[in-house]
């Protein structure tokens, strides 16, 4: 059974992955608008890049500190594939 500390770490990483998935959904919408020539998309760019930087730091820290379990690693890969596939389909 997981210790309470390990459980807290995994809960924190689940929240990070929730944030990552929200970011990917937002990024896909932004990218689609930008590719369609919608100039309003560019007003979102700095906000999206700020989120990307924060998430990248959190994700690297989690990976470097072995704070992700196998299910979370699988979820991270699925989220990355979601973004890749969405961009390839456009």
C-alpha atoms as a PDB file:
ATOM      1  CA  UNK A   1       0.000   0.000   0.000  1.00  0.00           C
ATOM      2  CA  UNK A   2       1.189   3.517  -0.849  1.00  0.00           C
ATOM      3  CA  UNK A   3       2.331   5.757   1.965  1.00  0.00           C
ATOM      4  CA  UNK A   4       0.375   8.922   2.614  1.00  0.00           C
ATOM      5  CA  UNK A   5       3.271  11.003   1.253  1.00  0.00           C
ATOM      6  CA  UNK A   6       3.384   8.948  -1.969  1.00  0.00           C
ATOM      7  CA  UNK A   7      -0.373   9.237  -2.289  1.00  0.00           C
ATOM      8  CA  UNK A   8      -0.140  13.037  -1.962  1.00  0.00           C
ATOM      9  CA  UNK A   9       2.575  13.146  -4.633  1.00  0.00           C
ATOM     10  CA  UNK A  10       0.462  11.085  -7.039  1.00  0.00           C
ATOM     11  CA  UNK A  11      -2.595  13.275  -6.369  1.00  0.00           C
ATOM     12  CA  UNK A  12      -0.497  16.365  -7.119  1.00  0.00           C
ATOM     13  CA  UNK A  13       0.738  14.785 -10.348  1.00  0.00           C
ATOM     14  CA  UNK A  14      -2.815  13.814 -11.335  1.00  0.00           C
ATOM     15  CA  UNK A  15      -3.736  17.502 -10.986  1.00  0.00           C
ATOM     16  CA  UNK A  16      -0.712  18.450 -13.094  1.00  0.00           C
ATOM     17  CA  UNK A  17      -1.882  16.017 -15.785  1.00  0.00           C
ATOM     18  CA  UNK A  18      -5.394  17.505 -15.617  1.00  0.00           C
ATOM     19  CA  UNK A  19      -3.817  20.928 -16.191  1.00  0.00           C
ATOM     20  CA  UNK A  20      -1.738  19.511 -19.041  1.00  0.00           C
ATOM     21  CA  UNK A  21      -4.803  18.080 -20.731  1.00  0.00           C
ATOM     22  CA  UNK A  22      -6.645  21.408 -20.367  1.00  0.00           C
ATOM     23  CA  UNK A  23      -3.616  23.151 -21.882  1.00  0.00           C
ATOM     24  CA  UNK A  24      -3.528  20.729 -24.832  1.00  0.00           C
ATOM     25  CA  UNK A  25      -7.236  21.293 -25.514  1.00  0.00           C
ATOM     26  CA  UNK A  26      -6.677  25.057 -25.388  1.00  0.00           C
ATOM     27  CA  UNK A  27      -3.595  24.795 -27.603  1.00  0.00           C
ATOM     28  CA  UNK A  28      -5.463  22.733 -30.213  1.00  0.00           C
ATOM     29  CA  UNK A  29      -8.206  25.390 -30.388  1.00  0.00           C
ATOM     30  CA  UNK A  30      -5.583  28.142 -30.665  1.00  0.00           C
ATOM     31  CA  UNK A  31      -3.645  26.292 -33.375  1.00  0.00           C
ATOM     32  CA  UNK A  32      -6.781  25.594 -35.387  1.00  0.00           C
ATOM     33  CA  UNK A  33      -7.809  29.278 -35.256  1.00  0.00           C
ATOM     34  CA  UNK A  34      -4.305  30.394 -36.202  1.00  0.00           C
ATOM     35  CA  UNK A  35      -4.158  27.968 -39.128  1.00  0.00           C
ATOM     36  CA  UNK A  36      -7.510  29.299 -40.345  1.00  0.00           C
ATOM     37  CA  UNK A  37      -6.080  32.822 -40.323  1.00  0.00           C
ATOM     38  CA  UNK A  38      -8.139  33.985 -37.337  1.00  0.00           C
ATOM     39  CA  UNK A  39      -6.082  36.891 -36.003  1.00  0.00           C
ATOM     40  CA  UNK A  40      -7.870  36.757 -32.635  1.00  0.00           C
ATOM     41  CA  UNK A  41      -5.912  33.565 -31.920  1.00  0.00           C
ATOM     42  CA  UNK A  42      -2.711  35.540 -31.571  1.00  0.00           C
ATOM     43  CA  UNK A  43      -4.079  37.447 -28.586  1.00  0.00           C
ATOM     44  CA  UNK A  44      -4.073  34.100 -26.762  1.00  0.00           C
ATOM     45  CA  UNK A  45      -0.479  33.242 -27.665  1.00  0.00           C
ATOM     46  CA  UNK A  46       1.340  34.727 -24.661  1.00  0.00           C
ATOM     47  CA  UNK A  47      -1.083  33.114 -22.207  1.00  0.00           C
ATOM     48  CA  UNK A  48      -0.664  29.729 -23.890  1.00  0.00           C
ATOM     49  CA  UNK A  49       3.122  30.005 -23.890  1.00  0.00           C
ATOM     50  CA  UNK A  50       3.149  30.962 -20.204  1.00  0.00           C
ATOM     51  CA  UNK A  51       1.071  27.878 -19.373  1.00  0.00           C
ATOM     52  CA  UNK A  52       3.358  25.723 -21.519  1.00  0.00           C
ATOM     53  CA  UNK A  53       6.450  26.920 -19.660  1.00  0.00           C
ATOM     54  CA  UNK A  54       4.921  26.240 -16.231  1.00  0.00           C
ATOM     55  CA  UNK A  55       3.674  22.809 -17.272  1.00  0.00           C
ATOM     56  CA  UNK A  56       6.988  21.863 -18.834  1.00  0.00           C
ATOM     57  CA  UNK A  57       8.800  22.724 -15.605  1.00  0.00           C
ATOM     58  CA  UNK A  58       6.310  20.743 -13.498  1.00  0.00           C
ATOM     59  CA  UNK A  59       6.430  17.746 -15.811  1.00  0.00           C
ATOM     60  CA  UNK A  60      10.225  17.672 -15.947  1.00  0.00           C
ATOM     61  CA  UNK A  61      10.430  17.924 -12.163  1.00  0.00           C
ATOM     62  CA  UNK A  62       7.942  15.065 -11.788  1.00  0.00           C
ATOM     63  CA  UNK A  63       9.869  12.890 -14.252  1.00  0.00           C
ATOM     64  CA  UNK A  64      13.282  13.714 -12.787  1.00  0.00           C
ATOM     65  CA  UNK A  65      12.064  12.942  -9.263  1.00  0.00           C
ATOM     66  CA  UNK A  66      10.310   9.700 -10.292  1.00  0.00           C
ATOM     67  CA  UNK A  67       7.000  11.096  -9.072  1.00  0.00           C
ATOM     68  CA  UNK A  68       4.862   9.579 -11.838  1.00  0.00           C
ATOM     69  CA  UNK A  69       3.421   6.097 -11.617  1.00  0.00           C
ATOM     70  CA  UNK A  70       2.944   3.950 -14.717  1.00  0.00           C
ATOM     71  CA  UNK A  71      -0.688   4.968 -15.147  1.00  0.00           C
ATOM     72  CA  UNK A  72       0.287   8.639 -15.052  1.00  0.00           C
ATOM     73  CA  UNK A  73       3.100   8.101 -17.555  1.00  0.00           C
ATOM     74  CA  UNK A  74       0.639   6.368 -19.877  1.00  0.00           C
ATOM     75  CA  UNK A  75      -1.819   9.259 -19.472  1.00  0.00           C
ATOM     76  CA  UNK A  76       0.920  11.787 -20.263  1.00  0.00           C
ATOM     77  CA  UNK A  77       1.779   9.903 -23.458  1.00  0.00           C
ATOM     78  CA  UNK A  78      -1.906   9.764 -24.445  1.00  0.00           C
ATOM     79  CA  UNK A  79      -2.250  13.530 -23.943  1.00  0.00           C
ATOM     80  CA  UNK A  80       0.880  14.138 -26.045  1.00  0.00           C
ATOM     81  CA  UNK A  81      -0.523  11.900 -28.785  1.00  0.00           C
ATOM     82  CA  UNK A  82      -3.823  13.786 -28.654  1.00  0.00           C
ATOM     83  CA  UNK A  83      -2.016  17.030 -29.446  1.00  0.00           C
ATOM     84  CA  UNK A  84       0.212  15.479 -32.110  1.00  0.00           C
ATOM     85  CA  UNK A  85      -2.729  13.811 -33.855  1.00  0.00           C
ATOM     86  CA  UNK A  86      -4.834  16.987 -33.764  1.00  0.00           C
ATOM     87  CA  UNK A  87      -2.032  18.995 -35.380  1.00  0.00           C
ATOM     88  CA  UNK A  88      -1.369  16.329 -38.002  1.00  0.00           C
ATOM     89  CA  UNK A  89      -5.072  16.265 -38.933  1.00  0.00           C
ATOM     90  CA  UNK A  90      -5.119  20.007 -39.688  1.00  0.00           C
END
